[in-house]
Amino acid sequence: MQYVLIQMPSGEIKIEDNSTHIGKKRVEKFCNQGAKPAGTIESHLPPIQLRRGISHEARGRYEAENAKLYSLRRFIDEL
């Protein structure tokens, strides 16, 4: 399947299947709301699994940065 990546005005990336009537309507709705096409992905995975993979990587980066901030906060509190 081929999926369309849509970047929302907030910066969020949505993954939509553009091969079905419902998917085409959703892409059209997002574009009317100011979203811009960001690319395509061809994959045999369903969209939920693609989102999980992307979210997993982002979550790991978030946790690493949060740990740095926590360490810095502890350091400042000890001064």
C-alpha atoms as a PDB file:
ATOM      1  CA  MET A   1       0.000   0.000   0.000  1.00  0.00           C
ATOM      2  CA  GLN A   2       1.044   3.559  -0.543  1.00  0.00           C
ATOM      3  CA  TYR A   3       0.416   6.092   2.203  1.00  0.00           C
ATOM      4  CA  VAL A   4       0.486   9.868   2.043  1.00  0.00           C
ATOM      5  CA  LEU A   5       2.250  11.849   4.747  1.00  0.00           C
ATOM      6  CA  ILE A   6       0.357  15.033   5.583  1.00  0.00           C
ATOM      7  CA  GLN A   7       1.917  17.803   7.688  1.00  0.00           C
ATOM      8  CA  MET A   8      -0.729  19.608   9.690  1.00  0.00           C
ATOM      9  CA  PRO A   9      -0.401  23.346  10.458  1.00  0.00           C
ATOM     10  CA  SER A  10       0.537  22.382  14.056  1.00  0.00           C
ATOM     11  CA  GLY A  11       3.525  20.411  12.700  1.00  0.00           C
ATOM     12  CA  GLU A  12       1.990  16.984  13.371  1.00  0.00           C
ATOM     13  CA  ILE A  13       2.522  14.420  10.608  1.00  0.00           C
ATOM     14  CA  LYS A  14      -0.471  12.250   9.738  1.00  0.00           C
ATOM     15  CA  ILE A  15      -0.306   9.012   7.738  1.00  0.00           C
ATOM     16  CA  GLU A  16      -3.285   8.413   5.459  1.00  0.00           C
ATOM     17  CA  ASP A  17      -4.113   5.652   2.985  1.00  0.00           C
ATOM     18  CA  ASN A  18      -4.935   7.532  -0.204  1.00  0.00           C
ATOM     19  CA  SER A  19      -6.106   4.447  -2.112  1.00  0.00           C
ATOM     20  CA  THR A  20      -9.629   4.310  -0.639  1.00  0.00           C
ATOM     21  CA  HIS A  21     -12.536   6.712  -1.021  1.00  0.00           C
ATOM     22  CA  ILE A  22     -12.518   7.445   2.715  1.00  0.00           C
ATOM     23  CA  GLY A  23      -8.766   8.058   2.708  1.00  0.00           C
ATOM     24  CA  LYS A  24      -9.013  10.452  -0.228  1.00  0.00           C
ATOM     25  CA  LYS A  25     -11.770  12.406   1.537  1.00  0.00           C
ATOM     26  CA  ARG A  26      -9.655  12.633   4.709  1.00  0.00           C
ATOM     27  CA  VAL A  27      -6.631  13.869   2.753  1.00  0.00           C
ATOM     28  CA  GLU A  28      -8.850  16.440   1.028  1.00  0.00           C
ATOM     29  CA  LYS A  29     -10.265  17.553   4.406  1.00  0.00           C
ATOM     30  CA  PHE A  30      -6.780  17.966   5.884  1.00  0.00           C
ATOM     31  CA  CYS A  31      -5.600  19.959   2.865  1.00  0.00           C
ATOM     32  CA  ASN A  32      -8.622  22.244   3.228  1.00  0.00           C
ATOM     33  CA  GLN A  33      -7.573  22.819   6.848  1.00  0.00           C
ATOM     34  CA  GLY A  34      -4.154  24.055   5.696  1.00  0.00           C
ATOM     35  CA  ALA A  35      -2.175  20.817   5.752  1.00  0.00           C
ATOM     36  CA  LYS A  36       0.592  20.213   3.217  1.00  0.00           C
ATOM     37  CA  PRO A  37       1.742  16.964   1.591  1.00  0.00           C
ATOM     38  CA  ALA A  38       5.040  15.850   3.113  1.00  0.00           C
ATOM     39  CA  GLY A  39       5.733  12.715   1.052  1.00  0.00           C
ATOM     40  CA  THR A  40       4.695   9.126   0.578  1.00  0.00           C
ATOM     41  CA  ILE A  41       5.536   5.770   2.144  1.00  0.00           C
ATOM     42  CA  GLU A  42       5.084   2.425   0.477  1.00  0.00           C
ATOM     43  CA  SER A  43       4.656  -0.349   3.021  1.00  0.00           C
ATOM     44  CA  HIS A  44       2.766  -3.564   3.644  1.00  0.00           C
ATOM     45  CA  LEU A  45       2.129  -2.488   7.264  1.00  0.00           C
ATOM     46  CA  PRO A  46      -1.177  -0.948   8.313  1.00  0.00           C
ATOM     47  CA  PRO A  47      -1.089   2.757   9.269  1.00  0.00           C
ATOM     48  CA  ILE A  48      -1.372   2.032  13.005  1.00  0.00           C
ATOM     49  CA  GLN A  49       1.869   0.033  12.991  1.00  0.00           C
ATOM     50  CA  LEU A  50       3.616   2.763  10.990  1.00  0.00           C
ATOM     51  CA  ARG A  51       2.508   5.372  13.542  1.00  0.00           C
ATOM     52  CA  ARG A  52       3.710   3.180  16.405  1.00  0.00           C
ATOM     53  CA  GLY A  53       7.155   2.897  14.858  1.00  0.00           C
ATOM     54  CA  ILE A  54       7.436   6.640  14.385  1.00  0.00           C
ATOM     55  CA  SER A  55       6.052   7.348  17.862  1.00  0.00           C
ATOM     56  CA  HIS A  56       8.430   4.836  19.468  1.00  0.00           C
ATOM     57  CA  GLU A  57      11.471   6.662  18.101  1.00  0.00           C
ATOM     58  CA  ALA A  58      10.110  10.049  19.142  1.00  0.00           C
ATOM     59  CA  ARG A  59       9.260   8.735  22.614  1.00  0.00           C
ATOM     60  CA  GLY A  60      12.833   7.472  23.082  1.00  0.00           C
ATOM     61  CA  ARG A  61      14.263  10.886  22.186  1.00  0.00           C
ATOM     62  CA  TYR A  62      11.764  12.594  24.508  1.00  0.00           C
ATOM     63  CA  GLU A  63      12.716  10.354  27.438  1.00  0.00           C
ATOM     64  CA  ALA A  64      16.447  10.944  26.866  1.00  0.00           C
ATOM     65  CA  GLU A  65      15.994  14.727  26.798  1.00  0.00           C
ATOM     66  CA  ASN A  66      13.711  14.584  29.828  1.00  0.00           C
ATOM     67  CA  ALA A  67      16.362  12.638  31.748  1.00  0.00           C
ATOM     68  CA  LYS A  68      18.925  15.359  30.930  1.00  0.00           C
ATOM     69  CA  LEU A  69      16.557  18.047  32.186  1.00  0.00           C
ATOM     70  CA  TYR A  70      15.866  16.087  35.362  1.00  0.00           C
ATOM     71  CA  SER A  71      19.604  15.736  36.026  1.00  0.00           C
ATOM     72  CA  LEU A  72      20.109  19.443  35.471  1.00  0.00           C
ATOM     73  CA  ARG A  73      17.225  20.243  37.806  1.00  0.00           C
ATOM     74  CA  ARG A  74      18.717  18.058  40.564  1.00  0.00           C
ATOM     75  CA  PHE A  75      22.098  19.744  40.074  1.00  0.00           C
ATOM     76  CA  ILE A  76      20.551  23.214  40.393  1.00  0.00           C
ATOM     77  CA  ASP A  77      18.538  22.210  43.461  1.00  0.00           C
ATOM     78  CA  GLU A  78      21.716  21.006  45.190  1.00  0.00           C
ATOM     79  CA  LEU A  79      23.435  24.391  44.795  1.00  0.00           C
END
